[in-house]
Amino acid sequence: MAAPLDDVALDQLFRSGRTYNGFTDQPVSEDQLRALWDLMKMGPTSANQLPARLVWCVSQEAKEKLAACASDSNADKIRKAPVSVVIGMDVNFHEHLPELFPHTDAKSWFDGNAELREASAFRNSSLQGGYFILAARALGLDTGPMSGFDGGEVDKAFFADQPGVRTNFISTLGYGDPATIFDRSPRPAFEKFNRIA
């Protein structure tokens, strides 16, 4: 059984971790992006579906293309971040299950059921998006996950060659500038939104 993480680790992952609206000029390397993926891919998904498909916008050209699909305030964040990331979801994830979940015929669970694939892709790519944020924090990086974009336009710009892949959300990535965060919003006590049955 694993031991609980110490307070330093818990602070970094949760209590002190923040959503950043801007970043320092410190670059993020491709090795760091690969290390981030190698952590986030280990997070659990149903039947090891792993439906997330990421586009790491590192070049200014790619960031401009993504910014053109976003609201004005988000477009500026995307352009200025060291990296901006499209977290997509593949509704045809089941085609990879013979490799990713080989001990049973999991692909057959989803064949011919587009509604189930859609729900599973959204749920599990959202989980992977959460793992992306925690993996980034674990590696000393910061994120700025956001809505405020036209998903159809992002799909056309980045997934036109991948039928079945659609955008879930986008995020910026880098070393957060503390001057760009807001005061932390309230978090409710356990009793407000929980019950023990």
C-alpha atoms as a PDB file:
ATOM      1  CA  MET A   1       0.000   0.000   0.000  1.00  0.00           C
ATOM      2  CA  ALA A   2       1.320   3.450  -0.885  1.00  0.00           C
ATOM      3  CA  ALA A   3       2.070   6.004   1.804  1.00  0.00           C
ATOM      4  CA  PRO A   4       0.196   9.329   1.754  1.00  0.00           C
ATOM      5  CA  LEU A   5       1.998  12.188   0.006  1.00  0.00           C
ATOM      6  CA  ASP A   6       3.498  14.823   2.253  1.00  0.00           C
ATOM      7  CA  ASP A   7       2.093  18.338   2.542  1.00  0.00           C
ATOM      8  CA  VAL A   8       4.667  19.762   0.115  1.00  0.00           C
ATOM      9  CA  ALA A   9       3.428  17.449  -2.648  1.00  0.00           C
ATOM     10  CA  LEU A  10      -0.235  17.991  -1.771  1.00  0.00           C
ATOM     11  CA  ASP A  11       0.275  21.755  -1.824  1.00  0.00           C
ATOM     12  CA  GLN A  12       1.915  21.593  -5.254  1.00  0.00           C
ATOM     13  CA  LEU A  13      -0.769  19.376  -6.749  1.00  0.00           C
ATOM     14  CA  PHE A  14      -3.860  20.858  -5.098  1.00  0.00           C
ATOM     15  CA  ARG A  15      -3.769  23.504  -2.382  1.00  0.00           C
ATOM     16  CA  SER A  16      -1.279  25.900  -3.991  1.00  0.00           C
ATOM     17  CA  GLY A  17      -1.838  24.897  -7.605  1.00  0.00           C
ATOM     18  CA  ARG A  18      -3.546  27.646  -9.584  1.00  0.00           C
ATOM     19  CA  THR A  19      -4.928  28.433 -13.018  1.00  0.00           C
ATOM     20  CA  TYR A  20      -2.627  30.975 -14.649  1.00  0.00           C
ATOM     21  CA  ASN A  21      -3.694  33.658 -17.106  1.00  0.00           C
ATOM     22  CA  GLY A  22      -0.113  34.394 -18.150  1.00  0.00           C
ATOM     23  CA  PHE A  23       3.351  32.888 -18.068  1.00  0.00           C
ATOM     24  CA  THR A  24       6.977  33.866 -17.795  1.00  0.00           C
ATOM     25  CA  ASP A  25       9.254  33.726 -20.842  1.00  0.00           C
ATOM     26  CA  GLN A  26      10.896  30.516 -19.618  1.00  0.00           C
ATOM     27  CA  PRO A  27      10.524  27.950 -22.427  1.00  0.00           C
ATOM     28  CA  VAL A  28       9.056  24.471 -22.162  1.00  0.00           C
ATOM     29  CA  SER A  29      11.042  21.771 -23.960  1.00  0.00           C
ATOM     30  CA  GLU A  30       9.772  18.881 -26.056  1.00  0.00           C
ATOM     31  CA  ASP A  31      11.324  16.557 -23.460  1.00  0.00           C
ATOM     32  CA  GLN A  32       9.042  18.136 -20.847  1.00  0.00           C
ATOM     33  CA  LEU A  33       5.988  17.637 -23.082  1.00  0.00           C
ATOM     34  CA  ARG A  34       6.904  13.984 -23.529  1.00  0.00           C
ATOM     35  CA  ALA A  35       7.432  13.580 -19.768  1.00  0.00           C
ATOM     36  CA  LEU A  36       4.032  15.155 -19.136  1.00  0.00           C
ATOM     37  CA  TRP A  37       2.368  12.735 -21.551  1.00  0.00           C
ATOM     38  CA  ASP A  38       4.201   9.790 -19.992  1.00  0.00           C
ATOM     39  CA  LEU A  39       2.686  10.701 -16.620  1.00  0.00           C
ATOM     40  CA  MET A  40      -0.837  11.590 -17.716  1.00  0.00           C
ATOM     41  CA  LYS A  41      -1.257   8.439 -19.825  1.00  0.00           C
ATOM     42  CA  MET A  42      -0.897   6.376 -16.650  1.00  0.00           C
ATOM     43  CA  GLY A  43      -4.098   7.798 -15.136  1.00  0.00           C
ATOM     44  CA  PRO A  44      -7.015   5.340 -15.216  1.00  0.00           C
ATOM     45  CA  THR A  45      -9.686   5.426 -17.908  1.00  0.00           C
ATOM     46  CA  SER A  46     -12.547   2.966 -18.449  1.00  0.00           C
ATOM     47  CA  ALA A  47     -11.158  -0.185 -20.062  1.00  0.00           C
ATOM     48  CA  ASN A  48      -7.940   1.752 -20.716  1.00  0.00           C
ATOM     49  CA  GLN A  49      -9.748   3.667 -23.480  1.00  0.00           C
ATOM     50  CA  LEU A  50      -7.279   6.596 -23.530  1.00  0.00           C
ATOM     51  CA  PRO A  51      -9.455   8.642 -25.929  1.00  0.00           C
ATOM     52  CA  ALA A  52      -7.603  11.955 -25.459  1.00  0.00           C
ATOM     53  CA  ARG A  53      -5.763  13.256 -28.522  1.00  0.00           C
ATOM     54  CA  LEU A  54      -3.454  16.200 -27.842  1.00  0.00           C
ATOM     55  CA  VAL A  55      -2.083  18.838 -30.149  1.00  0.00           C
ATOM     56  CA  TRP A  56       0.826  20.708 -28.552  1.00  0.00           C
ATOM     57  CA  CYS A  57       0.918  24.170 -30.153  1.00  0.00           C
ATOM     58  CA  VAL A  58       4.541  25.220 -29.767  1.00  0.00           C
ATOM     59  CA  SER A  59       5.127  27.286 -32.902  1.00  0.00           C
ATOM     60  CA  GLN A  60       3.748  30.798 -33.099  1.00  0.00           C
ATOM     61  CA  GLU A  61       1.943  29.768 -36.280  1.00  0.00           C
ATOM     62  CA  ALA A  62       0.067  26.992 -34.466  1.00  0.00           C
ATOM     63  CA  LYS A  63      -0.763  29.285 -31.538  1.00  0.00           C
ATOM     64  CA  GLU A  64      -2.109  31.930 -33.937  1.00  0.00           C
ATOM     65  CA  LYS A  65      -4.271  29.290 -35.634  1.00  0.00           C
ATOM     66  CA  LEU A  66      -5.693  28.254 -32.260  1.00  0.00           C
ATOM     67  CA  ALA A  67      -6.103  31.852 -31.077  1.00  0.00           C
ATOM     68  CA  ALA A  68      -8.225  32.581 -34.162  1.00  0.00           C
ATOM     69  CA  CYS A  69     -10.770  30.064 -32.796  1.00  0.00           C
ATOM     70  CA  ALA A  70     -10.943  31.591 -29.305  1.00  0.00           C
ATOM     71  CA  SER A  71     -12.611  34.543 -27.608  1.00  0.00           C
ATOM     72  CA  ASP A  72     -10.583  37.764 -27.577  1.00  0.00           C
ATOM     73  CA  SER A  73      -9.354  37.424 -23.984  1.00  0.00           C
ATOM     74  CA  ASN A  74      -8.417  33.772 -24.450  1.00  0.00           C
ATOM     75  CA  ALA A  75      -6.784  34.427 -27.821  1.00  0.00           C
ATOM     76  CA  ASP A  76      -4.249  36.721 -26.185  1.00  0.00           C
ATOM     77  CA  LYS A  77      -3.435  34.089 -23.535  1.00  0.00           C
ATOM     78  CA  ILE A  78      -2.960  31.430 -26.223  1.00  0.00           C
ATOM     79  CA  ARG A  79      -0.610  33.598 -28.291  1.00  0.00           C
ATOM     80  CA  LYS A  80       1.589  34.535 -25.324  1.00  0.00           C
ATOM     81  CA  ALA A  81       1.903  31.136 -23.632  1.00  0.00           C
ATOM     82  CA  PRO A  82       5.037  29.046 -24.233  1.00  0.00           C
ATOM     83  CA  VAL A  83       2.742  26.156 -25.232  1.00  0.00           C
ATOM     84  CA  SER A  84      -0.989  25.941 -25.895  1.00  0.00           C
ATOM     85  CA  VAL A  85      -2.619  22.524 -25.940  1.00  0.00           C
ATOM     86  CA  VAL A  86      -5.756  21.201 -27.600  1.00  0.00           C
ATOM     87  CA  ILE A  87      -7.180  18.303 -25.603  1.00  0.00           C
ATOM     88  CA  GLY A  88      -9.325  16.413 -28.079  1.00  0.00           C
ATOM     89  CA  MET A  89     -11.361  13.230 -27.810  1.00  0.00           C
ATOM     90  CA  ASP A  90     -11.496  10.367 -30.269  1.00  0.00           C
ATOM     91  CA  VAL A  91     -14.986   8.859 -30.509  1.00  0.00           C
ATOM     92  CA  ASN A  92     -13.404   5.985 -32.437  1.00  0.00           C
ATOM     93  CA  PHE A  93     -11.134   5.102 -29.517  1.00  0.00           C
ATOM     94  CA  HIS A  94     -12.572   1.583 -29.561  1.00  0.00           C
ATOM     95  CA  GLU A  95     -10.514   0.772 -32.660  1.00  0.00           C
ATOM     96  CA  HIS A  96      -7.419   0.794 -30.423  1.00  0.00           C
ATOM     97  CA  LEU A  97      -8.850  -1.396 -27.660  1.00  0.00           C
ATOM     98  CA  PRO A  98      -7.447  -4.673 -29.037  1.00  0.00           C
ATOM     99  CA  GLU A  99      -3.997  -3.186 -28.323  1.00  0.00           C
ATOM    100  CA  LEU A 100      -4.817  -1.151 -25.197  1.00  0.00           C
ATOM    101  CA  PHE A 101      -7.163  -3.641 -23.463  1.00  0.00           C
ATOM    102  CA  PRO A 102      -6.052  -6.993 -24.936  1.00  0.00           C
ATOM    103  CA  HIS A 103      -7.376  -9.436 -22.341  1.00  0.00           C
ATOM    104  CA  THR A 104     -10.963  -9.301 -23.639  1.00  0.00           C
ATOM    105  CA  ASP A 105     -12.864  -8.197 -26.744  1.00  0.00           C
ATOM    106  CA  ALA A 106     -13.690  -4.701 -25.449  1.00  0.00           C
ATOM    107  CA  LYS A 107     -13.949  -3.311 -28.974  1.00  0.00           C
ATOM    108  CA  SER A 108     -17.187  -5.240 -29.486  1.00  0.00           C
ATOM    109  CA  TRP A 109     -18.772  -3.375 -26.558  1.00  0.00           C
ATOM    110  CA  PHE A 110     -18.677  -0.182 -28.635  1.00  0.00           C
ATOM    111  CA  ASP A 111     -19.071  -1.404 -32.233  1.00  0.00           C
ATOM    112  CA  GLY A 112     -22.266   0.046 -33.704  1.00  0.00           C
ATOM    113  CA  ASN A 113     -23.036   2.182 -30.630  1.00  0.00           C
ATOM    114  CA  ALA A 114     -22.069   5.765 -31.456  1.00  0.00           C
ATOM    115  CA  GLU A 115     -23.951   7.167 -28.450  1.00  0.00           C
ATOM    116  CA  LEU A 116     -21.980   5.019 -25.997  1.00  0.00           C
ATOM    117  CA  ARG A 117     -18.690   5.878 -27.709  1.00  0.00           C
ATOM    118  CA  GLU A 118     -19.480   9.605 -27.554  1.00  0.00           C
ATOM    119  CA  ALA A 119     -20.304   9.476 -23.836  1.00  0.00           C
ATOM    120  CA  SER A 120     -17.249   7.351 -23.063  1.00  0.00           C
ATOM    121  CA  ALA A 121     -14.895   9.510 -25.125  1.00  0.00           C
ATOM    122  CA  PHE A 122     -16.093  12.686 -23.432  1.00  0.00           C
ATOM    123  CA  ARG A 123     -15.989  11.258 -19.910  1.00  0.00           C
ATOM    124  CA  ASN A 124     -12.586   9.634 -20.240  1.00  0.00           C
ATOM    125  CA  SER A 125     -10.891  12.433 -22.189  1.00  0.00           C
ATOM    126  CA  SER A 126     -12.115  14.812 -19.477  1.00  0.00           C
ATOM    127  CA  LEU A 127     -10.462  12.549 -16.907  1.00  0.00           C
ATOM    128  CA  GLN A 128      -7.293  12.649 -18.974  1.00  0.00           C
ATOM    129  CA  GLY A 129      -7.532  16.442 -19.081  1.00  0.00           C
ATOM    130  CA  GLY A 130      -7.502  16.415 -15.287  1.00  0.00           C
ATOM    131  CA  TYR A 131      -4.478  14.135 -15.339  1.00  0.00           C
ATOM    132  CA  PHE A 132      -2.823  16.590 -17.748  1.00  0.00           C
ATOM    133  CA  ILE A 133      -3.220  19.395 -15.190  1.00  0.00           C
ATOM    134  CA  LEU A 134      -1.922  17.284 -12.291  1.00  0.00           C
ATOM    135  CA  ALA A 135       0.986  15.882 -14.330  1.00  0.00           C
ATOM    136  CA  ALA A 136       1.988  19.403 -15.335  1.00  0.00           C
ATOM    137  CA  ARG A 137       1.931  20.524 -11.696  1.00  0.00           C
ATOM    138  CA  ALA A 138       3.892  17.441 -10.644  1.00  0.00           C
ATOM    139  CA  LEU A 139       6.600  18.427 -13.152  1.00  0.00           C
ATOM    140  CA  GLY A 140       6.745  22.013 -11.913  1.00  0.00           C
ATOM    141  CA  LEU A 141       4.694  23.466 -14.769  1.00  0.00           C
ATOM    142  CA  ASP A 142       1.478  25.478 -14.654  1.00  0.00           C
ATOM    143  CA  THR A 143      -1.653  25.416 -16.793  1.00  0.00           C
ATOM    144  CA  GLY A 144      -4.474  27.675 -17.875  1.00  0.00           C
ATOM    145  CA  PRO A 145      -7.378  25.395 -18.899  1.00  0.00           C
ATOM    146  CA  MET A 146     -10.204  27.246 -20.627  1.00  0.00           C
ATOM    147  CA  SER A 147     -13.465  27.213 -22.477  1.00  0.00           C
ATOM    148  CA  GLY A 148     -14.282  30.274 -24.549  1.00  0.00           C
ATOM    149  CA  PHE A 149     -13.516  28.914 -28.023  1.00  0.00           C
ATOM    150  CA  ASP A 150     -15.392  27.639 -31.061  1.00  0.00           C
ATOM    151  CA  GLY A 151     -14.989  23.875 -30.917  1.00  0.00           C
ATOM    152  CA  GLY A 152     -16.054  23.367 -34.507  1.00  0.00           C
ATOM    153  CA  GLU A 153     -13.406  25.787 -35.718  1.00  0.00           C
ATOM    154  CA  VAL A 154     -10.740  24.158 -33.557  1.00  0.00           C
ATOM    155  CA  ASP A 155     -11.756  20.786 -34.988  1.00  0.00           C
ATOM    156  CA  LYS A 156     -11.422  22.103 -38.549  1.00  0.00           C
ATOM    157  CA  ALA A 157      -8.065  23.709 -37.787  1.00  0.00           C
ATOM    158  CA  PHE A 158      -6.458  20.772 -35.948  1.00  0.00           C
ATOM    159  CA  PHE A 159      -8.430  17.549 -36.473  1.00  0.00           C
ATOM    160  CA  ALA A 160      -9.670  17.768 -40.075  1.00  0.00           C
ATOM    161  CA  ASP A 161      -7.435  14.803 -40.974  1.00  0.00           C
ATOM    162  CA  GLN A 162      -8.677  12.700 -38.037  1.00  0.00           C
ATOM    163  CA  PRO A 163     -12.339  11.722 -38.476  1.00  0.00           C
ATOM    164  CA  GLY A 164     -13.974  11.141 -35.128  1.00  0.00           C
ATOM    165  CA  VAL A 165     -11.655  13.431 -33.156  1.00  0.00           C
ATOM    166  CA  ARG A 166     -13.253  16.516 -31.629  1.00  0.00           C
ATOM    167  CA  THR A 167     -12.112  19.159 -29.183  1.00  0.00           C
ATOM    168  CA  ASN A 168     -12.894  18.756 -25.483  1.00  0.00           C
ATOM    169  CA  PHE A 169     -11.057  21.802 -24.086  1.00  0.00           C
ATOM    170  CA  ILE A 170      -7.859  23.786 -24.475  1.00  0.00           C
ATOM    171  CA  SER A 171      -5.144  24.845 -22.054  1.00  0.00           C
ATOM    172  CA  THR A 172      -2.070  26.989 -21.918  1.00  0.00           C
ATOM    173  CA  LEU A 173       1.105  25.567 -20.393  1.00  0.00           C
ATOM    174  CA  GLY A 174       4.318  26.997 -19.014  1.00  0.00           C
ATOM    175  CA  TYR A 175       5.763  28.600 -15.897  1.00  0.00           C
ATOM    176  CA  GLY A 176       2.995  30.710 -14.408  1.00  0.00           C
ATOM    177  CA  ASP A 177       3.426  34.417 -13.767  1.00  0.00           C
ATOM    178  CA  PRO A 178       2.063  35.029 -10.239  1.00  0.00           C
ATOM    179  CA  ALA A 179       0.927  38.511 -11.287  1.00  0.00           C
ATOM    180  CA  THR A 180      -1.684  36.920 -13.574  1.00  0.00           C
ATOM    181  CA  ILE A 181      -3.722  34.939 -11.037  1.00  0.00           C
ATOM    182  CA  PHE A 182      -6.815  36.092  -9.200  1.00  0.00           C
ATOM    183  CA  ASP A 183      -7.431  35.684  -5.487  1.00  0.00           C
ATOM    184  CA  ARG A 184      -8.509  32.111  -4.917  1.00  0.00           C
ATOM    185  CA  SER A 185     -12.258  31.648  -5.232  1.00  0.00           C
ATOM    186  CA  PRO A 186     -14.100  29.996  -2.334  1.00  0.00           C
ATOM    187  CA  ARG A 187     -14.127  26.251  -1.875  1.00  0.00           C
ATOM    188  CA  PRO A 188     -17.102  24.811   0.029  1.00  0.00           C
ATOM    189  CA  ALA A 189     -16.986  22.753   3.196  1.00  0.00           C
ATOM    190  CA  PHE A 190     -17.628  19.025   2.875  1.00  0.00           C
ATOM    191  CA  GLU A 191     -21.189  19.356   4.143  1.00  0.00           C
ATOM    192  CA  LYS A 192     -22.293  21.758   1.413  1.00  0.00           C
ATOM    193  CA  PHE A 193     -22.099  19.419  -1.587  1.00  0.00           C
ATOM    194  CA  ASN A 194     -21.583  15.974  -0.065  1.00  0.00           C
ATOM    195  CA  ARG A 195     -23.590  13.412   1.800  1.00  0.00           C
ATOM    196  CA  ILE A 196     -22.640  10.047   3.173  1.00  0.00           C
ATOM    197  CA  ALA A 197     -25.294   7.454   2.339  1.00  0.00           C
END
